[in-house]
Amino acid sequence: MRRTRPQRTRGREQAQVPYQPKSAKILVAHGLDINTNLGEGFGHYRIEGESDLLPFVTSANIACGAHAGDPVLMEEALEEARYYGLAIGAHIGYPDLAGFGRRELHLSANELRASILYQLGALAGLTKTFGIEITQVRPHGFLYRQISHDVRVAVTVAKALAEFDKWLVLIGPAGPNLLAAGDKAGIRVAGEVFVDRVYDANGNLLPHTHTRAILKSSREILNQAANLIGNGMVTAADGANVRIDFQTIHLHARVAEAKLVAEQIRQMVPDARPLTSEPFTVDEHEPELEHHRLAYSE
């Protein structure tokens, strides 16, 4: 666990980006993180194309053995991430290898906390041998979806992270539950958007089971990316324009022309950079907590 303030990385000085209220228009893509998942196989099974995205992202979230991943895959993923100089994230999920973490599981708060700490401990043990540290945590599948809809789950996840290491940034679906969870736990959070998924009019992702959940063509994906990066907006399934506050963009290998998409999105965000964080003390009597809520790039 971290006991000191993070050091500067890659020669860039740390700088705080002013907090942007929800009503403020995102004019430029300054300081956005671009993240991807890594090591989401198991045993002999691998996800094709994961490595192809690494030159175009700034952080990689490594599956920790619950929904996917195993010790060998985790170590291989760390080798790749270190080679490309990426920030390291823990990709946590429900213990559901057979269902790839997408099936509905309902653990008690204590069970979920223990499972998260177990996964973080597994990855942290390996990162220690590489001389690097986990900087962020990204939930997967059904756990990710629950954060949007169940603030109790969101707070449980955030408090588990704070218990493990208050420097960690929680990546999750941009919205009020993520912000509330960060405030309750005293950690930084980063709202995330997908460039290949369809949103509803409330800014929530359509579930994977929905017939229109996924954008099928690279042209659609890049159009949505351009709208998000340039305007902070997404066109929902019903045609409504929805504003989303976000600090990180998620890319994954299972999209149409994934490498081309990743390359062009990186060109849209030439100054992309990893998230950074510092812990803060939650004061229930503090009238203004907005400036504490977001994780910004260095």
Protein backbone atom coordinates (compact mmCIF):
# COMPACT_ATOMS: atom_id res chain seq x y z
CA MET A 1 0.00 0.00 0.00
CA ARG A 2 1.09 3.56 -0.64
CA ARG A 3 2.33 5.60 2.28
CA THR A 4 3.70 8.60 0.41
CA ARG A 5 2.49 10.98 -2.24
CA PRO A 6 2.82 9.55 -5.78
CA GLN A 7 5.93 10.63 -7.67
CA ARG A 8 5.95 12.42 -10.96
CA THR A 9 5.86 10.07 -13.90
CA ARG A 10 7.39 10.29 -17.38
CA GLY A 11 8.82 13.71 -16.70
CA ARG A 12 5.47 15.49 -16.57
CA GLU A 13 4.62 17.73 -13.65
CA GLN A 14 1.42 17.10 -11.76
CA ALA A 15 -1.26 19.74 -12.20
CA GLN A 16 -4.81 20.01 -10.95
CA VAL A 17 -7.49 20.61 -13.57
CA PRO A 18 -10.21 22.93 -12.25
CA TYR A 19 -13.44 21.16 -11.39
CA GLN A 20 -15.98 21.42 -14.19
CA PRO A 21 -19.57 21.65 -12.95
CA LYS A 22 -22.11 19.43 -14.66
CA SER A 23 -23.52 22.35 -16.62
CA ALA A 24 -20.13 23.29 -18.10
CA LYS A 25 -19.57 22.25 -21.69
CA ILE A 26 -16.54 20.06 -22.35
CA LEU A 27 -14.80 22.07 -25.05
CA VAL A 28 -11.54 20.16 -25.43
CA ALA A 29 -10.31 16.70 -24.54
CA HIS A 30 -7.62 17.93 -22.17
CA GLY A 31 -6.25 15.41 -19.71
CA LEU A 32 -8.54 12.50 -20.56
CA ASP A 33 -7.45 8.99 -19.70
CA ILE A 34 -8.00 6.19 -22.23
CA ASN A 35 -8.26 2.78 -20.59
CA THR A 36 -8.59 -0.80 -21.74
CA ASN A 37 -8.93 -4.22 -20.13
CA LEU A 38 -6.14 -6.75 -20.22
CA GLY A 39 -5.72 -10.43 -19.34
CA GLU A 40 -9.40 -11.33 -19.60
CA GLY A 41 -8.77 -14.94 -20.49
CA PHE A 42 -8.18 -18.00 -18.34
CA GLY A 43 -5.73 -20.87 -18.73
CA HIS A 44 -5.33 -21.58 -22.44
CA TYR A 45 -8.07 -19.13 -23.39
CA ARG A 46 -7.02 -15.66 -24.52
CA ILE A 47 -8.86 -12.58 -25.74
CA GLU A 48 -7.55 -11.85 -29.21
CA GLY A 49 -6.48 -8.31 -29.99
CA GLU A 50 -6.00 -7.04 -26.44
CA SER A 51 -2.34 -6.21 -27.04
CA ASP A 52 -3.12 -4.34 -30.26
CA LEU A 53 -4.75 -1.51 -28.30
CA LEU A 54 -1.91 -0.91 -25.85
CA PRO A 55 0.04 1.65 -27.94
CA PHE A 56 -3.05 3.89 -28.00
CA VAL A 57 -4.20 3.85 -24.36
CA THR A 58 -2.83 5.37 -21.17
CA SER A 59 -3.93 2.74 -18.65
CA ALA A 60 -4.68 -0.99 -18.56
CA ASN A 61 -7.03 -2.74 -16.12
CA ILE A 62 -5.88 -6.27 -15.42
CA ALA A 63 -8.40 -9.01 -14.63
CA CYS A 64 -7.73 -10.33 -11.13
CA GLY A 65 -9.02 -13.91 -11.32
CA ALA A 66 -12.69 -13.50 -10.38
CA HIS A 67 -14.57 -12.98 -13.65
CA ALA A 68 -11.44 -13.74 -15.70
CA GLY A 69 -7.67 -13.95 -15.40
CA ASP A 70 -5.23 -16.19 -13.60
CA PRO A 71 -1.77 -15.67 -12.05
CA VAL A 72 0.16 -16.36 -15.26
CA LEU A 73 -2.09 -14.13 -17.36
CA MET A 74 -1.86 -11.38 -14.76
CA GLU A 75 1.92 -11.48 -14.85
CA GLU A 76 1.97 -11.45 -18.66
CA ALA A 77 -0.40 -8.49 -18.65
CA LEU A 78 1.84 -6.60 -16.25
CA GLU A 79 4.82 -7.22 -18.53
CA GLU A 80 2.94 -5.74 -21.47
CA ALA A 81 1.58 -2.78 -19.53
CA ARG A 82 5.02 -1.96 -18.18
CA TYR A 83 6.53 -2.18 -21.67
CA TYR A 84 4.12 0.48 -22.92
CA GLY A 85 4.47 2.62 -19.78
CA LEU A 86 0.80 2.33 -18.85
CA ALA A 87 -0.84 3.05 -15.52
CA ILE A 88 -2.04 -0.17 -13.86
CA GLY A 89 -5.64 -0.81 -12.93
CA ALA A 90 -7.25 -3.74 -11.16
CA HIS A 91 -10.21 -5.11 -13.11
CA ILE A 92 -12.42 -6.59 -10.41
CA GLY A 93 -15.68 -8.51 -10.71
CA TYR A 94 -17.92 -11.08 -9.12
CA PRO A 95 -16.42 -14.59 -8.74
CA ASP A 96 -18.10 -15.93 -11.89
CA LEU A 97 -15.66 -17.40 -14.41
CA ALA A 98 -18.37 -19.42 -16.13
CA GLY A 99 -20.55 -16.36 -16.68
CA PHE A 100 -17.69 -13.92 -17.33
CA GLY A 101 -18.93 -11.83 -14.42
CA ARG A 102 -22.09 -10.78 -16.25
CA ARG A 103 -24.62 -12.95 -14.43
CA GLU A 104 -26.60 -11.53 -11.55
CA LEU A 105 -24.90 -12.34 -8.26
CA HIS A 106 -25.94 -10.76 -4.99
CA LEU A 107 -23.34 -10.96 -2.25
CA SER A 108 -23.65 -9.48 1.19
CA ALA A 109 -21.65 -6.32 1.83
CA ASN A 110 -19.08 -8.33 3.81
CA GLU A 111 -18.76 -10.92 1.06
CA LEU A 112 -18.33 -8.28 -1.63
CA ARG A 113 -15.78 -6.38 0.46
CA ALA A 114 -13.75 -9.54 1.09
CA SER A 115 -13.87 -10.52 -2.59
CA ILE A 116 -12.63 -7.08 -3.67
CA LEU A 117 -9.79 -7.07 -1.14
CA TYR A 118 -8.83 -10.59 -2.24
CA GLN A 119 -8.60 -9.53 -5.87
CA LEU A 120 -6.67 -6.35 -5.10
CA GLY A 121 -4.26 -8.31 -2.94
CA ALA A 122 -3.59 -10.80 -5.72
CA LEU A 123 -2.69 -8.14 -8.26
CA ALA A 124 -0.76 -6.03 -5.73
CA GLY A 125 1.39 -9.04 -4.87
CA LEU A 126 2.46 -9.33 -8.50
CA THR A 127 2.90 -5.61 -9.10
CA LYS A 128 5.30 -5.52 -6.16
CA THR A 129 7.69 -7.84 -7.99
CA PHE A 130 7.63 -5.43 -10.96
CA GLY A 131 8.32 -2.40 -8.79
CA ILE A 132 5.04 -0.74 -9.81
CA GLU A 133 1.72 -0.06 -8.11
CA ILE A 134 -1.99 -0.19 -8.82
CA THR A 135 -3.35 3.29 -9.48
CA GLN A 136 -7.00 2.62 -10.31
CA VAL A 137 -9.76 0.02 -10.01
CA ARG A 138 -12.42 -0.70 -12.60
CA PRO A 139 -15.37 -3.02 -11.81
CA HIS A 140 -16.60 -5.43 -14.46
CA GLY A 141 -19.89 -6.73 -15.79
CA PHE A 142 -22.80 -7.01 -13.38
CA LEU A 143 -20.83 -5.30 -10.60
CA TYR A 144 -20.18 -2.33 -12.91
CA ARG A 145 -23.87 -2.16 -13.81
CA GLN A 146 -24.91 -2.32 -10.15
CA ILE A 147 -22.89 0.82 -9.40
CA SER A 148 -25.23 2.73 -11.72
CA HIS A 149 -28.39 1.47 -10.07
CA ASP A 150 -27.56 0.63 -6.44
CA VAL A 151 -25.75 3.25 -4.40
CA ARG A 152 -25.25 0.74 -1.56
CA VAL A 153 -23.15 -1.46 -3.82
CA ALA A 154 -21.25 1.58 -5.12
CA VAL A 155 -20.42 2.68 -1.58
CA THR A 156 -19.37 -0.85 -0.57
CA VAL A 157 -16.96 -1.00 -3.50
CA ALA A 158 -15.54 2.45 -2.79
CA LYS A 159 -15.06 1.74 0.92
CA ALA A 160 -13.24 -1.51 0.14
CA LEU A 161 -10.85 0.43 -2.08
CA ALA A 162 -10.31 3.06 0.60
CA GLU A 163 -9.58 0.33 3.13
CA PHE A 164 -6.96 -1.17 0.82
CA ASP A 165 -5.37 2.07 -0.38
CA LYS A 166 -6.84 5.58 -0.27
CA TRP A 167 -4.75 6.62 -3.28
CA LEU A 168 -6.74 4.38 -5.61
CA VAL A 169 -9.10 5.91 -8.17
CA LEU A 170 -12.44 4.17 -8.68
CA ILE A 171 -13.45 4.10 -12.35
CA GLY A 172 -17.13 3.56 -12.96
CA PRO A 173 -20.21 4.66 -14.87
CA ALA A 174 -20.40 8.44 -14.81
CA GLY A 175 -23.28 9.52 -12.62
CA PRO A 176 -24.50 10.42 -9.13
CA ASN A 177 -23.93 6.99 -7.54
CA LEU A 178 -20.24 7.03 -8.40
CA LEU A 179 -19.86 10.56 -7.02
CA ALA A 180 -21.74 9.68 -3.84
CA ALA A 181 -19.62 6.58 -3.31
CA GLY A 182 -16.41 8.58 -3.66
CA ASP A 183 -17.62 11.14 -1.15
CA LYS A 184 -18.69 8.49 1.36
CA ALA A 185 -15.39 6.62 1.14
CA GLY A 186 -13.10 9.62 0.82
CA ILE A 187 -11.50 8.53 -2.44
CA ARG A 188 -11.28 9.99 -5.92
CA VAL A 189 -13.50 8.68 -8.69
CA ALA A 190 -13.41 8.92 -12.47
CA GLY A 191 -16.55 8.81 -14.58
CA GLU A 192 -16.19 6.59 -17.63
CA VAL A 193 -17.79 6.49 -21.07
CA PHE A 194 -17.97 3.78 -23.72
CA VAL A 195 -17.55 4.66 -27.37
CA ASP A 196 -19.14 1.42 -28.62
CA ARG A 197 -22.14 1.07 -26.30
CA VAL A 198 -25.59 2.64 -26.58
CA TYR A 199 -26.99 4.79 -23.77
CA ASP A 200 -30.54 5.47 -22.64
CA ALA A 201 -32.05 8.92 -22.11
CA ASN A 202 -30.84 8.93 -18.48
CA GLY A 203 -27.21 8.42 -19.45
CA ASN A 204 -27.16 4.74 -18.45
CA LEU A 205 -25.78 1.96 -20.64
CA LEU A 206 -28.30 -0.34 -22.26
CA PRO A 207 -27.78 -3.85 -20.84
CA HIS A 208 -25.87 -6.38 -22.96
CA THR A 209 -29.12 -8.31 -23.41
CA HIS A 210 -30.70 -5.37 -25.26
CA THR A 211 -30.79 -5.79 -29.03
CA ARG A 212 -29.35 -2.30 -29.55
CA ALA A 213 -26.74 -2.39 -26.77
CA ILE A 214 -23.69 -2.43 -29.07
CA LEU A 215 -22.67 -0.14 -31.92
CA LYS A 216 -21.82 -2.47 -34.77
CA SER A 217 -19.65 -0.47 -37.15
CA SER A 218 -16.40 1.42 -36.69
CA ARG A 219 -18.01 4.47 -38.29
CA GLU A 220 -20.74 4.55 -35.62
CA ILE A 221 -18.18 4.09 -32.88
CA LEU A 222 -15.96 6.89 -34.13
CA ASN A 223 -18.93 9.22 -34.56
CA GLN A 224 -19.95 8.61 -30.95
CA ALA A 225 -16.36 9.10 -29.80
CA ALA A 226 -16.12 12.42 -31.64
CA ASN A 227 -19.36 13.64 -30.07
CA LEU A 228 -18.25 12.62 -26.58
CA ILE A 229 -14.75 14.05 -26.86
CA GLY A 230 -15.73 17.22 -28.69
CA ASN A 231 -19.05 18.03 -27.03
CA GLY A 232 -19.38 15.89 -23.90
CA MET A 233 -22.58 14.49 -25.40
CA VAL A 234 -23.95 11.14 -26.52
CA THR A 235 -27.01 10.40 -28.65
CA ALA A 236 -29.24 8.04 -26.69
CA ALA A 237 -31.24 5.13 -28.09
CA ASP A 238 -34.36 7.32 -28.34
CA GLY A 239 -32.48 10.07 -30.18
CA ALA A 240 -32.09 12.39 -27.19
CA ASN A 241 -28.81 14.23 -26.68
CA VAL A 242 -27.45 13.40 -23.23
CA ARG A 243 -24.58 15.19 -21.50
CA ILE A 244 -22.08 13.00 -19.63
CA ASP A 245 -19.33 14.18 -17.29
CA PHE A 246 -16.38 11.85 -17.77
CA GLN A 247 -12.64 11.67 -17.17
CA THR A 248 -11.78 8.39 -18.89
CA ILE A 249 -12.74 6.62 -22.11
CA HIS A 250 -13.01 2.84 -22.24
CA LEU A 251 -11.83 0.85 -25.25
CA HIS A 252 -11.82 -2.91 -25.65
CA ALA A 253 -10.69 -5.42 -28.23
CA ARG A 254 -14.08 -6.89 -29.08
CA VAL A 255 -15.30 -4.10 -31.34
CA ALA A 256 -15.32 -3.67 -35.10
CA GLU A 257 -11.83 -2.78 -36.39
CA ALA A 258 -10.64 -2.32 -32.80
CA LYS A 259 -7.06 -1.32 -33.59
CA LEU A 260 -8.11 1.28 -36.18
CA VAL A 261 -10.74 2.66 -33.79
CA ALA A 262 -8.20 2.91 -30.96
CA GLU A 263 -5.66 4.66 -33.18
CA GLN A 264 -8.17 7.25 -34.40
CA ILE A 265 -9.55 7.90 -30.92
CA ARG A 266 -6.04 8.50 -29.62
CA GLN A 267 -5.61 11.06 -32.40
CA MET A 268 -8.72 12.80 -31.07
CA VAL A 269 -7.06 12.98 -27.63
CA PRO A 270 -3.42 13.82 -28.40
CA ASP A 271 -2.68 14.82 -24.80
CA ALA A 272 -4.28 11.76 -23.19
CA ARG A 273 -2.72 10.89 -19.84
CA PRO A 274 -3.33 8.58 -16.87
CA LEU A 275 -5.50 9.47 -13.92
CA THR A 276 -3.90 10.60 -10.69
CA SER A 277 -5.30 10.98 -7.22
CA GLU A 278 -4.78 12.08 -3.67
CA PRO A 279 -6.94 10.97 -0.74
CA PHE A 280 -9.06 13.44 1.15
CA THR A 281 -10.86 13.51 4.47
CA VAL A 282 -14.63 13.41 4.31
CA ASP A 283 -16.26 16.01 6.54
CA GLU A 284 -20.00 15.48 6.87
CA HIS A 285 -20.39 19.16 7.76
CA GLU A 286 -18.50 20.35 4.70
CA PRO A 287 -21.05 22.25 2.58
CA GLU A 288 -19.12 21.96 -0.69
CA LEU A 289 -17.66 18.61 -1.65
CA GLU A 290 -17.85 18.90 -5.42
CA HIS A 291 -14.13 19.65 -5.78
CA HIS A 292 -13.28 16.37 -4.05
CA ARG A 293 -15.21 14.10 -6.31
CA LEU A 294 -13.31 13.67 -9.53
CA ALA A 295 -10.00 12.12 -10.40
CA TYR A 296 -8.06 14.24 -12.81
CA SER A 297 -5.10 13.53 -15.03
CA GLU A 298 -1.68 14.57 -13.92
